[in-house]
């Protein structure tokens, strides 16, 4: 995946978005908090992370049937949503590669077991002759 797809992450200060390992989000009062964890490099003890806070937008939502016609509500910042979309693309692509790798390793292990059993059976047949 080209790094050009991750314009929002670049604007947030991630020169190499492929260094991102995972992320978490939470909401505190009127703020969305995004914490991004980077891959740990050889020799590093702690995982590096960056924390970002995004102010939520206040809106009034129409309420059907009720005592008040409008109710105060908040919604996430569009910038926050773009960052989440890019992070999900990045992390999900990495997970699929890891899943494929694990699947192939499992297949190799299974094949090794099958071949070793077949070899044992053939040796037994040879000894019986």
N, C-alpha and C. Protein backbone atom coordinates (compact mmCIF):
# COMPACT_ATOMS: atom_id res chain seq x y z
N UNK A 1 0.83 -1.17 0.00
CA UNK A 1 0.00 0.00 0.00
C UNK A 1 0.88 1.24 0.00
N UNK A 2 0.53 2.16 -0.83
CA UNK A 2 1.35 3.36 -0.89
C UNK A 2 1.01 4.29 0.27
N UNK A 3 2.01 5.02 0.71
CA UNK A 3 1.82 5.94 1.83
C UNK A 3 0.97 7.15 1.42
N UNK A 4 0.77 7.36 0.11
CA UNK A 4 -0.05 8.49 -0.36
C UNK A 4 -1.51 8.33 0.07
N UNK A 5 -1.94 7.12 0.33
CA UNK A 5 -3.32 6.88 0.75
C UNK A 5 -3.59 7.42 2.15
N UNK A 6 -2.55 7.66 2.90
CA UNK A 6 -2.68 8.03 4.31
C UNK A 6 -2.34 9.50 4.53
N UNK A 7 -3.03 10.37 3.81
CA UNK A 7 -2.76 11.81 3.88
C UNK A 7 -3.02 12.37 5.28
N UNK A 8 -4.13 11.96 5.90
CA UNK A 8 -4.48 12.46 7.23
C UNK A 8 -3.42 12.05 8.25
N UNK A 9 -2.97 10.80 8.16
CA UNK A 9 -1.93 10.33 9.10
C UNK A 9 -0.63 11.11 8.90
N UNK A 10 -0.31 11.42 7.65
CA UNK A 10 0.89 12.23 7.39
C UNK A 10 0.74 13.61 8.00
N UNK A 11 -0.45 14.20 7.86
CA UNK A 11 -0.70 15.51 8.45
C UNK A 11 -0.59 15.47 9.97
N UNK A 12 -0.88 14.32 10.56
CA UNK A 12 -0.81 14.17 12.01
C UNK A 12 0.62 13.93 12.49
N UNK A 13 1.58 13.80 11.55
CA UNK A 13 2.98 13.68 11.93
C UNK A 13 3.57 12.29 11.76
N UNK A 14 2.85 11.37 11.12
CA UNK A 14 3.40 10.03 10.88
C UNK A 14 4.07 10.03 9.52
N UNK A 15 5.39 10.13 9.53
CA UNK A 15 6.15 10.16 8.27
C UNK A 15 6.03 8.83 7.54
N UNK A 16 6.06 7.72 8.30
CA UNK A 16 5.92 6.39 7.71
C UNK A 16 4.73 5.70 8.37
N UNK A 17 3.55 5.80 7.79
CA UNK A 17 2.37 5.21 8.40
C UNK A 17 2.47 3.70 8.61
N UNK A 18 3.33 3.04 7.86
CA UNK A 18 3.47 1.58 7.98
C UNK A 18 4.15 1.18 9.28
N UNK A 19 4.63 2.15 10.05
CA UNK A 19 5.22 1.87 11.37
C UNK A 19 4.12 1.67 12.42
N UNK A 20 2.87 1.96 12.07
CA UNK A 20 1.76 1.86 13.02
C UNK A 20 1.38 0.40 13.22
N UNK A 21 1.28 0.00 14.47
CA UNK A 21 0.93 -1.38 14.80
C UNK A 21 -0.55 -1.52 15.14
N UNK A 22 -1.06 -0.63 15.99
CA UNK A 22 -2.46 -0.70 16.41
C UNK A 22 -2.88 0.67 16.92
N UNK A 23 -4.18 0.80 17.24
CA UNK A 23 -4.68 2.06 17.78
C UNK A 23 -5.88 1.78 18.67
N UNK A 24 -6.15 2.74 19.56
CA UNK A 24 -7.33 2.65 20.42
C UNK A 24 -8.02 4.01 20.41
N UNK A 25 -9.33 3.98 20.66
CA UNK A 25 -10.09 5.23 20.75
C UNK A 25 -10.98 5.18 22.00
N UNK A 26 -11.27 6.35 22.51
CA UNK A 26 -12.22 6.47 23.61
C UNK A 26 -12.75 7.90 23.61
N UNK A 27 -13.86 8.09 24.31
CA UNK A 27 -14.46 9.41 24.41
C UNK A 27 -14.42 9.87 25.86
N UNK A 28 -13.89 11.06 26.07
CA UNK A 28 -13.84 11.67 27.40
C UNK A 28 -14.56 13.01 27.32
N UNK A 29 -15.73 13.10 27.94
CA UNK A 29 -16.55 14.32 27.90
C UNK A 29 -16.82 14.74 26.46
N UNK A 30 -16.30 15.88 26.05
CA UNK A 30 -16.52 16.39 24.69
C UNK A 30 -15.30 16.19 23.78
N UNK A 31 -14.49 15.19 24.09
CA UNK A 31 -13.26 14.97 23.34
C UNK A 31 -13.12 13.50 22.98
N UNK A 32 -12.77 13.23 21.71
CA UNK A 32 -12.41 11.88 21.28
C UNK A 32 -10.90 11.75 21.41
N UNK A 33 -10.45 10.68 22.05
CA UNK A 33 -9.02 10.46 22.26
C UNK A 33 -8.59 9.30 21.37
N UNK A 34 -7.58 9.53 20.57
CA UNK A 34 -7.01 8.52 19.69
C UNK A 34 -5.59 8.26 20.14
N UNK A 35 -5.26 7.00 20.44
CA UNK A 35 -3.90 6.64 20.81
C UNK A 35 -3.38 5.66 19.77
N UNK A 36 -2.26 6.00 19.16
CA UNK A 36 -1.67 5.20 18.09
C UNK A 36 -0.35 4.61 18.58
N UNK A 37 -0.23 3.29 18.46
CA UNK A 37 0.97 2.58 18.90
C UNK A 37 1.81 2.21 17.68
N UNK A 38 3.12 2.44 17.79
CA UNK A 38 4.04 2.14 16.70
C UNK A 38 4.75 0.82 16.97
N UNK A 39 5.25 0.20 15.89
CA UNK A 39 6.01 -1.04 16.04
C UNK A 39 7.25 -0.78 16.89
N UNK A 40 7.57 -1.73 17.74
CA UNK A 40 8.76 -1.62 18.58
C UNK A 40 9.95 -2.08 17.75
N UNK A 41 11.01 -1.29 17.75
CA UNK A 41 12.22 -1.64 17.02
C UNK A 41 13.14 -2.46 17.90
N UNK A 42 14.05 -3.17 17.29
CA UNK A 42 15.00 -4.02 18.00
C UNK A 42 15.76 -3.19 19.05
N UNK A 43 15.78 -3.67 20.27
CA UNK A 43 16.50 -2.99 21.33
C UNK A 43 15.67 -2.01 22.14
N UNK A 44 14.44 -1.74 21.71
CA UNK A 44 13.59 -0.82 22.47
C UNK A 44 12.80 -1.59 23.51
N UNK A 45 12.69 -1.04 24.69
CA UNK A 45 11.97 -1.70 25.78
C UNK A 45 10.49 -1.39 25.74
N UNK A 46 10.17 -0.15 25.45
CA UNK A 46 8.79 0.30 25.50
C UNK A 46 8.26 0.54 24.09
N UNK A 47 6.98 0.31 23.94
CA UNK A 47 6.33 0.62 22.67
C UNK A 47 6.09 2.12 22.60
N UNK A 48 6.41 2.72 21.46
CA UNK A 48 6.17 4.15 21.29
C UNK A 48 4.71 4.36 20.93
N UNK A 49 4.15 5.44 21.43
CA UNK A 49 2.77 5.76 21.10
C UNK A 49 2.60 7.28 21.03
N UNK A 50 1.56 7.68 20.32
CA UNK A 50 1.21 9.09 20.21
C UNK A 50 -0.27 9.22 20.54
N UNK A 51 -0.61 10.27 21.28
CA UNK A 51 -1.99 10.49 21.68
C UNK A 51 -2.50 11.79 21.04
N UNK A 52 -3.73 11.72 20.51
CA UNK A 52 -4.35 12.87 19.88
C UNK A 52 -5.73 13.08 20.49
N UNK A 53 -6.13 14.34 20.64
CA UNK A 53 -7.46 14.67 21.16
C UNK A 53 -8.19 15.50 20.11
N UNK A 54 -9.45 15.11 19.86
CA UNK A 54 -10.28 15.79 18.87
C UNK A 54 -11.56 16.27 19.55
N UNK A 55 -11.84 17.54 19.43
CA UNK A 55 -13.05 18.13 20.01
C UNK A 55 -14.27 17.61 19.25
N UNK A 56 -15.31 17.23 19.97
CA UNK A 56 -16.55 16.76 19.37
C UNK A 56 -17.43 17.95 18.97
N UNK A 57 -18.19 17.81 17.91
CA UNK A 57 -19.07 18.86 17.41
C UNK A 57 -20.42 18.76 18.13
N UNK A 58 -20.90 19.89 18.63
CA UNK A 58 -22.20 19.93 19.32
C UNK A 58 -23.31 20.22 18.31
N UNK A 59 -24.39 19.44 18.38
CA UNK A 59 -25.54 19.65 17.50
C UNK A 59 -26.82 19.45 18.30
N UNK A 60 -27.90 19.96 17.75
CA UNK A 60 -29.22 19.72 18.31
C UNK A 60 -29.96 18.77 17.38
N UNK A 61 -30.46 17.68 17.93
CA UNK A 61 -31.13 16.66 17.14
C UNK A 61 -32.62 16.75 17.40
N UNK A 62 -33.39 16.70 16.34
CA UNK A 62 -34.84 16.74 16.45
C UNK A 62 -35.33 15.45 17.10
N UNK A 63 -36.24 15.59 18.06
CA UNK A 63 -36.80 14.44 18.77
C UNK A 63 -38.27 14.33 18.41
N UNK A 64 -38.66 13.16 17.92
CA UNK A 64 -40.07 12.95 17.59
C UNK A 64 -40.82 12.49 18.82
N UNK A 65 -41.86 13.16 19.15
CA UNK A 65 -42.67 12.77 20.30
C UNK A 65 -41.87 12.92 21.58
N UNK A 66 -42.22 13.80 22.38
CA UNK A 66 -41.52 14.02 23.63
C UNK A 66 -41.83 15.42 24.13
N UNK A 67 -41.30 15.74 25.25
CA UNK A 67 -41.58 17.04 25.84
C UNK A 67 -40.80 18.17 25.19
N UNK A 68 -39.59 17.84 24.69
CA UNK A 68 -38.77 18.89 24.07
C UNK A 68 -38.57 18.56 22.59
N UNK A 69 -38.59 19.58 21.71
CA UNK A 69 -38.46 19.30 20.28
C UNK A 69 -37.03 18.94 19.85
N UNK A 70 -36.03 19.40 20.61
CA UNK A 70 -34.64 19.13 20.25
C UNK A 70 -33.86 18.62 21.45
N UNK A 71 -32.86 17.81 21.16
CA UNK A 71 -32.00 17.27 22.21
C UNK A 71 -30.56 17.56 21.83
N UNK A 72 -29.76 18.01 22.79
CA UNK A 72 -28.35 18.30 22.52
C UNK A 72 -27.60 16.98 22.31
N UNK A 73 -26.72 16.98 21.32
CA UNK A 73 -25.95 15.78 21.01
C UNK A 73 -24.56 16.20 20.54
N UNK A 74 -23.65 15.25 20.54
CA UNK A 74 -22.31 15.52 20.01
C UNK A 74 -21.99 14.48 18.96
N UNK A 75 -21.13 14.84 18.04
CA UNK A 75 -20.67 13.90 17.02
C UNK A 75 -19.19 14.10 16.79
N UNK A 76 -18.51 13.04 16.33
CA UNK A 76 -17.06 13.13 16.16
C UNK A 76 -16.65 14.09 15.04
N UNK A 77 -15.45 14.59 15.17
CA UNK A 77 -14.87 15.48 14.17
C UNK A 77 -14.65 14.72 12.86
N UNK A 78 -14.89 15.36 11.70
CA UNK A 78 -14.63 14.70 10.42
C UNK A 78 -13.15 14.30 10.27
N UNK A 79 -12.27 15.11 10.82
CA UNK A 79 -10.83 14.81 10.76
C UNK A 79 -10.53 13.53 11.54
N UNK A 80 -11.14 13.39 12.71
CA UNK A 80 -11.00 12.18 13.53
C UNK A 80 -11.50 10.96 12.75
N UNK A 81 -12.64 11.09 12.09
CA UNK A 81 -13.20 9.97 11.33
C UNK A 81 -12.31 9.58 10.15
N UNK A 82 -11.71 10.56 9.48
CA UNK A 82 -10.79 10.25 8.38
C UNK A 82 -9.57 9.51 8.90
N UNK A 83 -9.05 9.95 10.05
CA UNK A 83 -7.89 9.28 10.64
C UNK A 83 -8.23 7.84 11.00
N UNK A 84 -9.40 7.61 11.57
CA UNK A 84 -9.82 6.26 11.94
C UNK A 84 -9.94 5.38 10.69
N UNK A 85 -10.53 5.91 9.62
CA UNK A 85 -10.65 5.15 8.37
C UNK A 85 -9.29 4.72 7.85
N UNK A 86 -8.34 5.65 7.84
CA UNK A 86 -6.99 5.33 7.35
C UNK A 86 -6.31 4.31 8.26
N UNK A 87 -6.47 4.47 9.56
CA UNK A 87 -5.86 3.51 10.50
C UNK A 87 -6.46 2.13 10.33
N UNK A 88 -7.77 2.04 10.15
CA UNK A 88 -8.40 0.74 9.96
C UNK A 88 -7.93 0.08 8.67
N UNK A 89 -7.77 0.86 7.60
CA UNK A 89 -7.23 0.31 6.35
C UNK A 89 -5.84 -0.25 6.57
N UNK A 90 -5.02 0.52 7.25
CA UNK A 90 -3.64 0.14 7.48
C UNK A 90 -3.52 -1.10 8.36
N UNK A 91 -4.22 -1.11 9.47
CA UNK A 91 -4.13 -2.22 10.43
C UNK A 91 -4.77 -3.48 9.88
N UNK A 92 -5.91 -3.36 9.18
CA UNK A 92 -6.57 -4.55 8.64
C UNK A 92 -5.73 -5.18 7.54
N UNK A 93 -5.05 -4.37 6.73
CA UNK A 93 -4.19 -4.92 5.68
C UNK A 93 -3.05 -5.71 6.31
N UNK A 94 -2.50 -5.21 7.40
CA UNK A 94 -1.41 -5.90 8.08
C UNK A 94 -1.90 -7.20 8.71
N UNK A 95 -3.11 -7.17 9.28
CA UNK A 95 -3.66 -8.38 9.90
C UNK A 95 -3.88 -9.47 8.86
N UNK A 96 -4.37 -9.10 7.66
CA UNK A 96 -4.61 -10.11 6.65
C UNK A 96 -3.31 -10.76 6.21
N UNK A 97 -2.22 -10.00 6.14
CA UNK A 97 -0.93 -10.58 5.80
C UNK A 97 -0.48 -11.55 6.89
N UNK A 98 -0.66 -11.16 8.16
CA UNK A 98 -0.29 -12.05 9.26
C UNK A 98 -1.16 -13.30 9.27
N UNK A 99 -2.45 -13.14 8.99
CA UNK A 99 -3.35 -14.29 8.96
C UNK A 99 -2.95 -15.26 7.85
N UNK A 100 -2.62 -14.73 6.67
CA UNK A 100 -2.18 -15.59 5.57
C UNK A 100 -0.91 -16.32 5.93
N UNK A 101 0.03 -15.60 6.55
CA UNK A 101 1.30 -16.21 6.94
C UNK A 101 1.05 -17.34 7.94
N UNK A 102 0.21 -17.10 8.94
CA UNK A 102 -0.09 -18.13 9.93
C UNK A 102 -0.78 -19.33 9.29
N UNK A 103 -1.68 -19.07 8.36
CA UNK A 103 -2.37 -20.15 7.66
C UNK A 103 -1.37 -21.02 6.89
N UNK A 104 -0.44 -20.38 6.19
CA UNK A 104 0.56 -21.13 5.44
C UNK A 104 1.46 -21.95 6.37
N UNK A 105 1.85 -21.36 7.50
CA UNK A 105 2.67 -22.09 8.46
C UNK A 105 1.91 -23.30 9.02
N UNK A 106 0.63 -23.16 9.27
CA UNK A 106 -0.19 -24.27 9.75
C UNK A 106 -0.26 -25.38 8.70
N UNK A 107 -0.42 -24.99 7.43
CA UNK A 107 -0.46 -25.98 6.35
C UNK A 107 0.86 -26.72 6.23
N UNK A 108 1.97 -26.01 6.37
CA UNK A 108 3.29 -26.66 6.30
C UNK A 108 3.43 -27.66 7.43
N UNK A 109 3.03 -27.29 8.63
CA UNK A 109 3.12 -28.19 9.78
C UNK A 109 2.28 -29.44 9.56
N UNK A 110 1.07 -29.28 9.04
CA UNK A 110 0.19 -30.41 8.77
C UNK A 110 0.81 -31.33 7.72
N UNK A 111 1.34 -30.73 6.65
CA UNK A 111 1.96 -31.51 5.59
C UNK A 111 3.16 -32.29 6.10
N UNK A 112 3.96 -31.69 6.97
CA UNK A 112 5.11 -32.38 7.56
C UNK A 112 4.66 -33.61 8.35
N UNK A 113 3.57 -33.49 9.12
CA UNK A 113 3.06 -34.62 9.88
C UNK A 113 2.58 -35.74 8.96
N UNK A 114 1.84 -35.37 7.90
CA UNK A 114 1.33 -36.37 6.96
C UNK A 114 2.47 -37.10 6.27
N UNK A 115 3.47 -36.37 5.82
CA UNK A 115 4.60 -36.98 5.12
C UNK A 115 5.39 -37.89 6.06
N UNK A 116 5.61 -37.46 7.31
CA UNK A 116 6.37 -38.30 8.25
C UNK A 116 5.61 -39.60 8.55
N UNK A 117 4.29 -39.55 8.67
CA UNK A 117 3.50 -40.77 8.88
C UNK A 117 3.59 -41.70 7.68
N UNK A 118 3.50 -41.14 6.50
CA UNK A 118 3.58 -41.95 5.28
C UNK A 118 4.94 -42.61 5.15
N UNK A 119 6.00 -41.89 5.48
CA UNK A 119 7.35 -42.45 5.43
C UNK A 119 7.47 -43.60 6.43
N UNK A 120 6.93 -43.43 7.63
CA UNK A 120 6.96 -44.51 8.63
C UNK A 120 6.21 -45.74 8.13
N UNK A 121 5.05 -45.53 7.51
CA UNK A 121 4.28 -46.65 6.96
C UNK A 121 5.07 -47.38 5.87
N UNK A 122 5.69 -46.64 4.99
CA UNK A 122 6.48 -47.25 3.91
C UNK A 122 7.67 -48.03 4.46
N UNK A 123 8.33 -47.51 5.47
CA UNK A 123 9.46 -48.22 6.09
C UNK A 123 8.99 -49.52 6.73
N UNK A 124 7.84 -49.48 7.36
CA UNK A 124 7.29 -50.68 7.96
C UNK A 124 7.01 -51.74 6.91
N UNK A 125 6.45 -51.30 5.77
CA UNK A 125 6.17 -52.23 4.68
C UNK A 125 7.46 -52.84 4.12
N UNK A 126 8.50 -52.02 4.01
CA UNK A 126 9.78 -52.49 3.51
C UNK A 126 10.35 -53.53 4.48
N UNK A 127 10.26 -53.28 5.78
CA UNK A 127 10.78 -54.23 6.77
C UNK A 127 10.02 -55.54 6.74
N UNK A 128 8.73 -55.49 6.46
CA UNK A 128 7.91 -56.70 6.41
C UNK A 128 8.26 -57.58 5.21
N UNK A 129 8.85 -57.03 4.18
CA UNK A 129 9.21 -57.82 2.99
C UNK A 129 10.37 -58.71 3.21
